[in-house]
Amino acid sequence: MIAKTLVAGLVATALSAAHAFAVVSITNRDDKEHKLTVVEGETRTEHVLKPTQVLEGICPKGCVIRLNDSENDEYELEGTEVVSIEEGYLYYDGPEDNPGTGDATKSGKQ
């Protein structure tokens, strides 16, 4: 009985640790570079992603991604997504249990 409890505790700890380290990963699949503005709370960070470049380890608590300084191209991410830029838009690549595919959630004006 103690062994089962210990194993269950270790599994729960491993799963929560894996979730704690989940962050956003963005891959530029376009043949041109894109400027990204990452907004986390009051902090804004700009990045330029060249074709095939990957930006990893951002937005652990969620953020807004703005493509090419356009307020119409804002995407709200929760902090666990794997996304890519294709034809100038942000698309989900994973994780597998993400409830939906296609465009990431747009938060900008339409």
C-alpha atoms as a PDB file:
ATOM      1  CA  MET A   1       0.000   0.000   0.000  1.00  0.00           C
ATOM      2  CA  ILE A   2       2.811   2.416   0.864  1.00  0.00           C
ATOM      3  CA  ALA A   3       4.574   1.571  -2.408  1.00  0.00           C
ATOM      4  CA  LYS A   4       1.444   2.401  -4.454  1.00  0.00           C
ATOM      5  CA  THR A   5       1.052   5.717  -2.635  1.00  0.00           C
ATOM      6  CA  LEU A   6       4.724   6.558  -3.198  1.00  0.00           C
ATOM      7  CA  VAL A   7       4.507   5.730  -6.928  1.00  0.00           C
ATOM      8  CA  ALA A   8       1.322   7.784  -7.320  1.00  0.00           C
ATOM      9  CA  GLY A   9       3.000  10.704  -5.554  1.00  0.00           C
ATOM     10  CA  LEU A  10       6.061  10.497  -7.804  1.00  0.00           C
ATOM     11  CA  VAL A  11       3.907  10.425 -10.941  1.00  0.00           C
ATOM     12  CA  ALA A  12       1.892  13.442  -9.766  1.00  0.00           C
ATOM     13  CA  THR A  13       5.093  15.330  -8.962  1.00  0.00           C
ATOM     14  CA  ALA A  14       6.593  14.529 -12.373  1.00  0.00           C
ATOM     15  CA  LEU A  15       3.448  15.663 -14.180  1.00  0.00           C
ATOM     16  CA  SER A  16       3.232  18.946 -12.274  1.00  0.00           C
ATOM     17  CA  ALA A  17       6.946  19.612 -12.850  1.00  0.00           C
ATOM     18  CA  ALA A  18       6.536  19.008 -16.582  1.00  0.00           C
ATOM     19  CA  HIS A  19       3.614  21.462 -16.661  1.00  0.00           C
ATOM     20  CA  ALA A  20       5.637  24.051 -14.718  1.00  0.00           C
ATOM     21  CA  PHE A  21       8.304  24.054 -17.413  1.00  0.00           C
ATOM     22  CA  ALA A  22       5.867  24.332 -20.330  1.00  0.00           C
ATOM     23  CA  VAL A  23       6.545  27.417 -22.428  1.00  0.00           C
ATOM     24  CA  VAL A  24       5.693  28.740 -25.854  1.00  0.00           C
ATOM     25  CA  SER A  25       7.728  27.705 -28.903  1.00  0.00           C
ATOM     26  CA  ILE A  26       7.361  29.607 -32.205  1.00  0.00           C
ATOM     27  CA  THR A  27       8.810  28.413 -35.549  1.00  0.00           C
ATOM     28  CA  ASN A  28       8.967  30.648 -38.625  1.00  0.00           C
ATOM     29  CA  ARG A  29       7.946  28.396 -41.543  1.00  0.00           C
ATOM     30  CA  ASP A  30       7.711  31.307 -43.995  1.00  0.00           C
ATOM     31  CA  ASP A  31      10.400  32.148 -46.521  1.00  0.00           C
ATOM     32  CA  LYS A  32      10.733  35.685 -45.111  1.00  0.00           C
ATOM     33  CA  GLU A  33      11.574  37.032 -41.665  1.00  0.00           C
ATOM     34  CA  HIS A  34       8.890  38.235 -39.273  1.00  0.00           C
ATOM     35  CA  LYS A  35       9.090  40.707 -36.416  1.00  0.00           C
ATOM     36  CA  LEU A  36       7.462  39.476 -33.208  1.00  0.00           C
ATOM     37  CA  THR A  37       6.544  41.577 -30.226  1.00  0.00           C
ATOM     38  CA  VAL A  38       6.014  39.510 -27.094  1.00  0.00           C
ATOM     39  CA  VAL A  39       3.875  41.234 -24.463  1.00  0.00           C
ATOM     40  CA  GLU A  40       3.989  39.672 -21.000  1.00  0.00           C
ATOM     41  CA  GLY A  41       2.138  41.909 -18.556  1.00  0.00           C
ATOM     42  CA  GLU A  42       3.808  45.315 -18.839  1.00  0.00           C
ATOM     43  CA  THR A  43       6.965  43.925 -20.488  1.00  0.00           C
ATOM     44  CA  ARG A  44       7.428  44.047 -24.281  1.00  0.00           C
ATOM     45  CA  THR A  45      10.237  42.186 -26.022  1.00  0.00           C
ATOM     46  CA  GLU A  46      10.922  42.319 -29.755  1.00  0.00           C
ATOM     47  CA  HIS A  47      12.403  39.491 -31.809  1.00  0.00           C
ATOM     48  CA  VAL A  48      13.085  39.046 -35.520  1.00  0.00           C
ATOM     49  CA  LEU A  49      12.626  35.458 -36.669  1.00  0.00           C
ATOM     50  CA  LYS A  50      14.439  34.529 -39.852  1.00  0.00           C
ATOM     51  CA  PRO A  51      13.051  31.706 -42.032  1.00  0.00           C
ATOM     52  CA  THR A  52      13.194  28.333 -40.192  1.00  0.00           C
ATOM     53  CA  GLN A  53      14.310  30.026 -36.962  1.00  0.00           C
ATOM     54  CA  VAL A  54      12.725  28.824 -33.706  1.00  0.00           C
ATOM     55  CA  LEU A  55      12.050  31.004 -30.668  1.00  0.00           C
ATOM     56  CA  GLU A  56      11.702  28.873 -27.539  1.00  0.00           C
ATOM     57  CA  GLY A  57      11.274  29.361 -23.842  1.00  0.00           C
ATOM     58  CA  ILE A  58       9.017  32.399 -23.858  1.00  0.00           C
ATOM     59  CA  CYS A  59       5.677  33.171 -22.183  1.00  0.00           C
ATOM     60  CA  PRO A  60       5.724  30.674 -19.285  1.00  0.00           C
ATOM     61  CA  LYS A  61       2.638  32.382 -17.808  1.00  0.00           C
ATOM     62  CA  GLY A  62       1.012  33.378 -21.105  1.00  0.00           C
ATOM     63  CA  CYS A  63       1.438  36.401 -23.329  1.00  0.00           C
ATOM     64  CA  VAL A  64       0.251  38.267 -26.384  1.00  0.00           C
ATOM     65  CA  ILE A  65       2.240  37.841 -29.616  1.00  0.00           C
ATOM     66  CA  ARG A  66       2.048  40.652 -32.177  1.00  0.00           C
ATOM     67  CA  LEU A  67       3.264  39.946 -35.723  1.00  0.00           C
ATOM     68  CA  ASN A  68       4.999  42.690 -37.710  1.00  0.00           C
ATOM     69  CA  ASP A  69       3.806  45.566 -35.457  1.00  0.00           C
ATOM     70  CA  SER A  70       0.196  45.068 -36.550  1.00  0.00           C
ATOM     71  CA  GLU A  71      -2.490  45.424 -33.884  1.00  0.00           C
ATOM     72  CA  ASN A  72      -4.697  43.313 -36.173  1.00  0.00           C
ATOM     73  CA  ASP A  73      -2.224  40.419 -35.913  1.00  0.00           C
ATOM     74  CA  GLU A  74      -2.252  39.842 -32.140  1.00  0.00           C
ATOM     75  CA  TYR A  75      -2.478  36.330 -30.720  1.00  0.00           C
ATOM     76  CA  GLU A  76      -3.114  35.468 -27.084  1.00  0.00           C
ATOM     77  CA  LEU A  77      -1.189  32.414 -25.881  1.00  0.00           C
ATOM     78  CA  GLU A  78      -1.556  30.629 -22.554  1.00  0.00           C
ATOM     79  CA  GLY A  79       2.070  29.537 -22.184  1.00  0.00           C
ATOM     80  CA  THR A  80       1.948  25.910 -23.304  1.00  0.00           C
ATOM     81  CA  GLU A  81       1.536  26.222 -27.063  1.00  0.00           C
ATOM     82  CA  VAL A  82       3.774  25.099 -29.890  1.00  0.00           C
ATOM     83  CA  VAL A  83       2.970  27.392 -32.816  1.00  0.00           C
ATOM     84  CA  SER A  84       4.347  28.331 -36.210  1.00  0.00           C
ATOM     85  CA  ILE A  85       4.178  31.284 -38.565  1.00  0.00           C
ATOM     86  CA  GLU A  86       2.892  30.273 -41.980  1.00  0.00           C
ATOM     87  CA  GLU A  87       1.891  32.719 -44.721  1.00  0.00           C
ATOM     88  CA  GLY A  88       2.023  35.546 -42.182  1.00  0.00           C
ATOM     89  CA  TYR A  89      -0.362  33.932 -39.659  1.00  0.00           C
ATOM     90  CA  LEU A  90       0.192  32.069 -36.400  1.00  0.00           C
ATOM     91  CA  TYR A  91      -1.017  28.431 -36.319  1.00  0.00           C
ATOM     92  CA  TYR A  92      -1.066  25.774 -33.591  1.00  0.00           C
ATOM     93  CA  ASP A  93       1.369  22.875 -33.998  1.00  0.00           C
ATOM     94  CA  GLY A  94       0.675  21.351 -30.560  1.00  0.00           C
ATOM     95  CA  PRO A  95       0.533  20.121 -27.916  1.00  0.00           C
ATOM     96  CA  GLU A  96      -1.555  17.183 -29.033  1.00  0.00           C
ATOM     97  CA  ASP A  97      -4.190  17.728 -26.329  1.00  0.00           C
ATOM     98  CA  ASN A  98      -4.796  21.341 -27.424  1.00  0.00           C
ATOM     99  CA  PRO A  99      -8.558  21.771 -27.950  1.00  0.00           C
ATOM    100  CA  GLY A 100      -8.557  23.125 -31.467  1.00  0.00           C
ATOM    101  CA  THR A 101      -6.477  23.595 -34.529  1.00  0.00           C
ATOM    102  CA  GLY A 102      -5.987  26.344 -37.050  1.00  0.00           C
ATOM    103  CA  ASP A 103      -5.457  29.975 -36.113  1.00  0.00           C
ATOM    104  CA  ALA A 104      -4.244  30.736 -32.621  1.00  0.00           C
ATOM    105  CA  THR A 105      -6.687  32.845 -30.636  1.00  0.00           C
ATOM    106  CA  LYS A 106      -6.715  36.355 -32.068  1.00  0.00           C
ATOM    107  CA  SER A 107      -7.164  39.144 -29.567  1.00  0.00           C
ATOM    108  CA  GLY A 108      -6.735  42.164 -31.828  1.00  0.00           C
ATOM    109  CA  LYS A 109      -9.302  44.472 -33.355  1.00  0.00           C
ATOM    110  CA  GLN A 110     -11.129  43.202 -36.402  1.00  0.00           C
END
